[in-house]
Amino acid sequence: MSTSQHAVDRRWTMRQRDWAVAFWIAFLSAAIGAFFLFGLVNPLDMVNAWADQYDIGVRLAYGLSFAFLYLLCLLASSLTVFMIRTGPASGHAKGQGRRPKAEIRHHAEANPDLDDEDWQ
């Protein structure tokens, strides 16, 4: 028997799972966004208003609109994953891992030469 592990049998790393979730959430969000967008706006009206000089059809208008929505949603979900993974450690809300509050001292302690004299 071979002890080598097949590439399909191994588990994904946390980064791979994060990217898979980001891509999937972006796809679902773009699909829902396209559903509502094309329910409200006719793609032929969009083509006639913005790209009349180009000869693109309805299918390409649908595809380009979905691609734009997908990239926008992918940016949002990627930023969300980034903020979750780089956020404060657990226990931060309870005060664990925070810096101690700074002490407020009188300026004469740090600079004994001043001695609260008036500067003129």
N, C-alpha and C. Protein backbone atom coordinates (compact mmCIF):
# COMPACT_ATOMS: atom_id res chain seq x y z
N MET A 1 0.82 -1.18 0.00
CA MET A 1 0.00 0.00 0.00
C MET A 1 0.87 1.24 0.00
N SER A 2 0.41 2.21 -0.70
CA SER A 2 1.12 3.47 -0.80
C SER A 2 0.66 4.41 0.31
N THR A 3 1.59 5.12 0.90
CA THR A 3 1.24 6.07 1.95
C THR A 3 1.11 7.49 1.42
N SER A 4 1.34 7.66 0.11
CA SER A 4 1.21 9.00 -0.45
C SER A 4 -0.27 9.39 -0.48
N GLN A 5 -0.50 10.65 -0.24
CA GLN A 5 -1.86 11.15 -0.16
C GLN A 5 -2.24 11.79 -1.49
N HIS A 6 -3.39 11.42 -1.98
CA HIS A 6 -3.89 11.98 -3.22
C HIS A 6 -4.34 13.42 -2.97
N ALA A 7 -4.22 14.28 -3.97
CA ALA A 7 -4.53 15.70 -3.80
C ALA A 7 -5.99 15.92 -3.43
N VAL A 8 -6.88 15.04 -3.87
CA VAL A 8 -8.29 15.21 -3.57
C VAL A 8 -8.60 14.80 -2.12
N ASP A 9 -7.81 13.92 -1.54
CA ASP A 9 -8.07 13.40 -0.21
C ASP A 9 -7.67 14.37 0.91
N ARG A 10 -6.88 15.35 0.60
CA ARG A 10 -6.42 16.23 1.67
C ARG A 10 -7.47 17.31 1.95
N ARG A 11 -7.38 17.87 3.15
CA ARG A 11 -8.30 18.94 3.54
C ARG A 11 -7.78 20.27 3.03
N TRP A 12 -8.69 21.20 2.83
CA TRP A 12 -8.30 22.53 2.40
C TRP A 12 -7.73 23.31 3.57
N THR A 13 -6.83 24.22 3.25
CA THR A 13 -6.31 25.11 4.29
C THR A 13 -7.36 26.16 4.60
N MET A 14 -7.13 26.90 5.66
CA MET A 14 -8.07 27.96 6.04
C MET A 14 -8.18 29.01 4.95
N ARG A 15 -7.07 29.35 4.33
CA ARG A 15 -7.08 30.35 3.26
C ARG A 15 -7.88 29.86 2.05
N GLN A 16 -7.73 28.59 1.69
CA GLN A 16 -8.50 28.05 0.57
C GLN A 16 -9.99 28.04 0.88
N ARG A 17 -10.35 27.69 2.11
CA ARG A 17 -11.77 27.71 2.49
C ARG A 17 -12.31 29.13 2.49
N ASP A 18 -11.50 30.09 2.96
CA ASP A 18 -11.95 31.48 2.95
C ASP A 18 -12.22 31.98 1.54
N TRP A 19 -11.30 31.67 0.62
CA TRP A 19 -11.50 32.09 -0.77
C TRP A 19 -12.69 31.38 -1.40
N ALA A 20 -12.89 30.10 -1.09
CA ALA A 20 -14.04 29.38 -1.64
C ALA A 20 -15.34 30.01 -1.14
N VAL A 21 -15.39 30.35 0.12
CA VAL A 21 -16.59 31.00 0.68
C VAL A 21 -16.78 32.37 0.04
N ALA A 22 -15.70 33.13 -0.13
CA ALA A 22 -15.82 34.45 -0.74
C ALA A 22 -16.34 34.36 -2.17
N PHE A 23 -15.81 33.42 -2.95
CA PHE A 23 -16.28 33.25 -4.33
C PHE A 23 -17.73 32.81 -4.37
N TRP A 24 -18.13 31.90 -3.50
CA TRP A 24 -19.50 31.39 -3.51
C TRP A 24 -20.49 32.46 -3.07
N ILE A 25 -20.18 33.19 -2.01
CA ILE A 25 -21.06 34.26 -1.55
C ILE A 25 -21.16 35.36 -2.60
N ALA A 26 -20.06 35.68 -3.26
CA ALA A 26 -20.09 36.70 -4.32
C ALA A 26 -20.95 36.23 -5.48
N PHE A 27 -20.87 34.95 -5.84
CA PHE A 27 -21.69 34.44 -6.93
C PHE A 27 -23.17 34.51 -6.58
N LEU A 28 -23.53 34.07 -5.38
CA LEU A 28 -24.94 34.10 -4.98
C LEU A 28 -25.45 35.54 -4.90
N SER A 29 -24.64 36.44 -4.38
CA SER A 29 -25.04 37.84 -4.28
C SER A 29 -25.21 38.47 -5.66
N ALA A 30 -24.30 38.16 -6.57
CA ALA A 30 -24.41 38.70 -7.93
C ALA A 30 -25.62 38.12 -8.65
N ALA A 31 -25.93 36.84 -8.41
CA ALA A 31 -27.11 36.24 -9.03
C ALA A 31 -28.39 36.91 -8.53
N ILE A 32 -28.47 37.16 -7.23
CA ILE A 32 -29.65 37.83 -6.68
C ILE A 32 -29.71 39.27 -7.18
N GLY A 33 -28.55 39.94 -7.23
CA GLY A 33 -28.52 41.30 -7.74
C GLY A 33 -28.93 41.39 -9.20
N ALA A 34 -28.47 40.43 -10.00
CA ALA A 34 -28.86 40.41 -11.42
C ALA A 34 -30.35 40.11 -11.57
N PHE A 35 -30.86 39.25 -10.72
CA PHE A 35 -32.29 38.94 -10.75
C PHE A 35 -33.11 40.20 -10.53
N PHE A 36 -32.75 40.98 -9.50
CA PHE A 36 -33.49 42.22 -9.23
C PHE A 36 -33.21 43.29 -10.28
N LEU A 37 -31.96 43.40 -10.72
CA LEU A 37 -31.61 44.42 -11.71
C LEU A 37 -32.36 44.19 -13.02
N PHE A 38 -32.34 42.96 -13.50
CA PHE A 38 -33.00 42.69 -14.78
C PHE A 38 -34.50 42.57 -14.63
N GLY A 39 -35.00 42.46 -13.40
CA GLY A 39 -36.43 42.55 -13.18
C GLY A 39 -36.92 43.99 -13.27
N LEU A 40 -36.04 44.93 -12.98
CA LEU A 40 -36.40 46.35 -13.01
C LEU A 40 -36.00 47.04 -14.31
N VAL A 41 -34.89 46.61 -14.90
CA VAL A 41 -34.34 47.29 -16.07
C VAL A 41 -34.23 46.30 -17.22
N ASN A 42 -34.65 46.72 -18.38
CA ASN A 42 -34.51 45.90 -19.58
C ASN A 42 -33.08 46.05 -20.10
N PRO A 43 -32.38 44.93 -20.36
CA PRO A 43 -31.00 45.06 -20.85
C PRO A 43 -30.88 45.80 -22.17
N LEU A 44 -31.91 45.74 -23.01
CA LEU A 44 -31.86 46.49 -24.27
C LEU A 44 -31.82 47.99 -24.00
N ASP A 45 -32.52 48.44 -22.97
CA ASP A 45 -32.47 49.86 -22.62
C ASP A 45 -31.08 50.25 -22.14
N MET A 46 -30.44 49.35 -21.38
CA MET A 46 -29.07 49.63 -20.93
C MET A 46 -28.11 49.71 -22.11
N VAL A 47 -28.25 48.79 -23.06
CA VAL A 47 -27.37 48.78 -24.24
C VAL A 47 -27.59 50.04 -25.05
N ASN A 48 -28.85 50.43 -25.25
CA ASN A 48 -29.13 51.62 -26.05
C ASN A 48 -28.66 52.90 -25.35
N ALA A 49 -28.68 52.92 -24.04
CA ALA A 49 -28.30 54.13 -23.32
C ALA A 49 -26.79 54.28 -23.20
N TRP A 50 -26.06 53.19 -22.96
CA TRP A 50 -24.63 53.30 -22.64
C TRP A 50 -23.70 52.82 -23.75
N ALA A 51 -24.13 51.86 -24.51
CA ALA A 51 -23.21 51.27 -25.49
C ALA A 51 -23.85 51.20 -26.86
N ASP A 52 -24.49 52.28 -27.25
CA ASP A 52 -25.19 52.27 -28.54
C ASP A 52 -24.22 52.22 -29.71
N GLN A 53 -23.02 52.80 -29.55
CA GLN A 53 -22.07 52.80 -30.65
C GLN A 53 -21.45 51.42 -30.88
N TYR A 54 -21.53 50.54 -29.86
CA TYR A 54 -21.02 49.17 -30.00
C TYR A 54 -22.18 48.26 -30.36
N ASP A 55 -21.89 47.27 -31.15
CA ASP A 55 -22.93 46.34 -31.56
C ASP A 55 -22.89 45.10 -30.66
N ILE A 56 -23.47 45.22 -29.47
CA ILE A 56 -23.52 44.08 -28.56
C ILE A 56 -24.97 43.65 -28.41
N GLY A 57 -25.15 42.39 -28.21
CA GLY A 57 -26.48 41.85 -28.09
C GLY A 57 -26.95 41.80 -26.64
N VAL A 58 -28.12 41.25 -26.48
CA VAL A 58 -28.72 41.16 -25.15
C VAL A 58 -27.93 40.20 -24.27
N ARG A 59 -27.49 39.09 -24.83
CA ARG A 59 -26.74 38.11 -24.03
C ARG A 59 -25.43 38.69 -23.51
N LEU A 60 -24.74 39.43 -24.35
CA LEU A 60 -23.50 40.05 -23.89
C LEU A 60 -23.79 41.12 -22.84
N ALA A 61 -24.90 41.83 -22.99
CA ALA A 61 -25.27 42.82 -21.98
C ALA A 61 -25.56 42.14 -20.65
N TYR A 62 -26.28 41.02 -20.67
CA TYR A 62 -26.52 40.24 -19.46
C TYR A 62 -25.19 39.76 -18.86
N GLY A 63 -24.32 39.24 -19.69
CA GLY A 63 -23.04 38.71 -19.22
C GLY A 63 -22.15 39.78 -18.61
N LEU A 64 -22.04 40.92 -19.27
CA LEU A 64 -21.21 42.01 -18.75
C LEU A 64 -21.78 42.58 -17.45
N SER A 65 -23.09 42.69 -17.40
CA SER A 65 -23.72 43.19 -16.17
C SER A 65 -23.50 42.22 -15.01
N PHE A 66 -23.65 40.92 -15.29
CA PHE A 66 -23.42 39.94 -14.24
C PHE A 66 -21.96 39.92 -13.81
N ALA A 67 -21.04 40.05 -14.78
CA ALA A 67 -19.61 40.08 -14.45
C ALA A 67 -19.28 41.29 -13.57
N PHE A 68 -19.87 42.44 -13.88
CA PHE A 68 -19.65 43.63 -13.07
C PHE A 68 -20.18 43.42 -11.65
N LEU A 69 -21.40 42.88 -11.53
CA LEU A 69 -21.96 42.61 -10.21
C LEU A 69 -21.13 41.58 -9.46
N TYR A 70 -20.64 40.56 -10.17
CA TYR A 70 -19.85 39.52 -9.53
C TYR A 70 -18.53 40.09 -8.98
N LEU A 71 -17.87 40.92 -9.76
CA LEU A 71 -16.61 41.52 -9.29
C LEU A 71 -16.85 42.45 -8.11
N LEU A 72 -17.95 43.20 -8.15
CA LEU A 72 -18.28 44.08 -7.04
C LEU A 72 -18.57 43.29 -5.77
N CYS A 73 -19.33 42.21 -5.91
CA CYS A 73 -19.64 41.37 -4.74
C CYS A 73 -18.40 40.61 -4.27
N LEU A 74 -17.52 40.22 -5.18
CA LEU A 74 -16.29 39.54 -4.80
C LEU A 74 -15.37 40.47 -4.02
N LEU A 75 -15.33 41.72 -4.41
CA LEU A 75 -14.54 42.70 -3.66
C LEU A 75 -15.09 42.85 -2.24
N ALA A 76 -16.41 42.94 -2.13
CA ALA A 76 -17.02 43.10 -0.81
C ALA A 76 -16.80 41.87 0.06
N SER A 77 -16.97 40.68 -0.49
CA SER A 77 -16.80 39.48 0.33
C SER A 77 -15.33 39.24 0.66
N SER A 78 -14.41 39.60 -0.23
CA SER A 78 -12.98 39.47 0.07
C SER A 78 -12.57 40.42 1.19
N LEU A 79 -13.08 41.64 1.15
CA LEU A 79 -12.78 42.58 2.22
C LEU A 79 -13.36 42.11 3.55
N THR A 80 -14.52 41.49 3.50
CA THR A 80 -15.12 40.95 4.72
C THR A 80 -14.26 39.84 5.30
N VAL A 81 -13.80 38.92 4.46
CA VAL A 81 -12.92 37.84 4.92
C VAL A 81 -11.63 38.43 5.48
N PHE A 82 -11.07 39.42 4.81
CA PHE A 82 -9.84 40.05 5.28
C PHE A 82 -10.03 40.68 6.66
N MET A 83 -11.15 41.39 6.84
CA MET A 83 -11.38 42.05 8.12
C MET A 83 -11.63 41.04 9.23
N ILE A 84 -12.30 39.93 8.92
CA ILE A 84 -12.54 38.92 9.94
C ILE A 84 -11.23 38.24 10.33
N ARG A 85 -10.39 37.91 9.36
CA ARG A 85 -9.15 37.18 9.66
C ARG A 85 -8.08 38.05 10.29
N THR A 86 -8.11 39.35 10.06
CA THR A 86 -7.08 40.22 10.62
C THR A 86 -7.60 41.04 11.79
N GLY A 87 -8.79 40.74 12.26
CA GLY A 87 -9.38 41.48 13.37
C GLY A 87 -8.70 41.13 14.68
N PRO A 88 -9.17 41.75 15.76
CA PRO A 88 -8.58 41.47 17.07
C PRO A 88 -8.81 40.03 17.49
N ALA A 89 -7.93 39.54 18.33
CA ALA A 89 -8.04 38.15 18.79
C ALA A 89 -9.24 37.99 19.70
N SER A 90 -9.66 36.75 19.88
CA SER A 90 -10.80 36.51 20.76
C SER A 90 -10.42 36.91 22.19
N GLY A 91 -11.36 37.40 22.92
CA GLY A 91 -11.10 37.88 24.26
C GLY A 91 -10.79 39.37 24.29
N HIS A 92 -10.69 39.99 23.13
CA HIS A 92 -10.36 41.42 23.08
C HIS A 92 -11.48 42.26 23.70
N ALA A 93 -12.74 41.85 23.50
CA ALA A 93 -13.86 42.61 24.04
C ALA A 93 -13.89 42.57 25.56
N LYS A 94 -13.32 41.51 26.15
CA LYS A 94 -13.30 41.39 27.61
C LYS A 94 -12.11 42.11 28.22
N GLY A 95 -11.27 42.72 27.40
CA GLY A 95 -10.12 43.46 27.90
C GLY A 95 -8.83 42.69 27.85
N GLN A 96 -8.86 41.47 27.34
CA GLN A 96 -7.64 40.68 27.25
C GLN A 96 -6.86 41.11 26.01
N GLY A 97 -5.59 41.32 26.16
CA GLY A 97 -4.75 41.68 25.03
C GLY A 97 -4.71 43.16 24.74
N ARG A 98 -5.38 43.95 25.52
CA ARG A 98 -5.35 45.40 25.31
C ARG A 98 -4.14 46.01 25.99
N ARG A 99 -3.71 47.15 25.49
CA ARG A 99 -2.64 47.89 26.13
C ARG A 99 -3.19 48.56 27.38
N PRO A 100 -2.36 48.72 28.39
CA PRO A 100 -2.84 49.43 29.59
C PRO A 100 -3.06 50.91 29.27
N LYS A 101 -3.97 51.52 30.01
CA LYS A 101 -4.23 52.94 29.78
C LYS A 101 -3.00 53.76 30.15
N ALA A 102 -2.77 54.80 29.41
CA ALA A 102 -1.61 55.65 29.64
C ALA A 102 -1.80 56.47 30.91
N GLU A 103 -0.72 56.61 31.64
CA GLU A 103 -0.75 57.43 32.84
C GLU A 103 -0.63 58.89 32.46
N ILE A 104 -1.39 59.73 33.13
CA ILE A 104 -1.32 61.16 32.88
C ILE A 104 -0.47 61.76 34.00
N ARG A 105 0.61 62.39 33.61
CA ARG A 105 1.54 62.96 34.58
C ARG A 105 1.66 64.46 34.35
N HIS A 106 2.12 65.12 35.35
CA HIS A 106 2.36 66.55 35.24
C HIS A 106 3.62 66.76 34.41
N HIS A 107 3.64 67.80 33.62
CA HIS A 107 4.78 68.03 32.71
C HIS A 107 6.08 68.30 33.46
N ALA A 108 6.00 68.77 34.68
CA ALA A 108 7.21 69.09 35.44
C ALA A 108 7.95 67.82 35.87
N GLU A 109 7.26 66.70 35.96
CA GLU A 109 7.92 65.44 36.30
C GLU A 109 8.85 64.98 35.20
N ALA A 110 8.42 65.14 33.96
CA ALA A 110 9.23 64.69 32.83
C ALA A 110 10.34 65.69 32.50
N ASN A 111 10.10 66.96 32.80
CA ASN A 111 11.08 68.01 32.52
C ASN A 111 11.35 68.80 33.79
N PRO A 112 12.29 68.38 34.61
CA PRO A 112 12.52 69.10 35.87
C PRO A 112 13.07 70.51 35.67
N ASP A 113 13.55 70.82 34.48
CA ASP A 113 14.10 72.15 34.24
C ASP A 113 13.02 73.22 34.13
N LEU A 114 11.77 72.82 33.88
CA LEU A 114 10.72 73.81 33.70
C LEU A 114 10.29 74.44 35.00
N ASP A 115 10.06 73.67 36.03
CA ASP A 115 9.69 74.15 37.37
C ASP A 115 8.53 75.14 37.35
N ASP A 116 7.59 74.96 36.47
CA ASP A 116 6.37 75.80 36.39
C ASP A 116 6.68 77.28 36.30
N GLU A 117 7.79 77.66 35.70
CA GLU A 117 8.11 79.07 35.55
C GLU A 117 7.42 79.61 34.31
N ASP A 118 7.13 80.86 34.32
CA ASP A 118 6.48 81.50 33.19
C ASP A 118 7.50 81.71 32.07
N TRP A 119 7.07 81.49 30.87
CA TRP A 119 7.95 81.69 29.72
C TRP A 119 7.58 83.01 29.09
N GLN A 120 8.54 83.86 28.92
CA GLN A 120 8.25 85.16 28.33
C GLN A 120 9.12 85.44 27.16
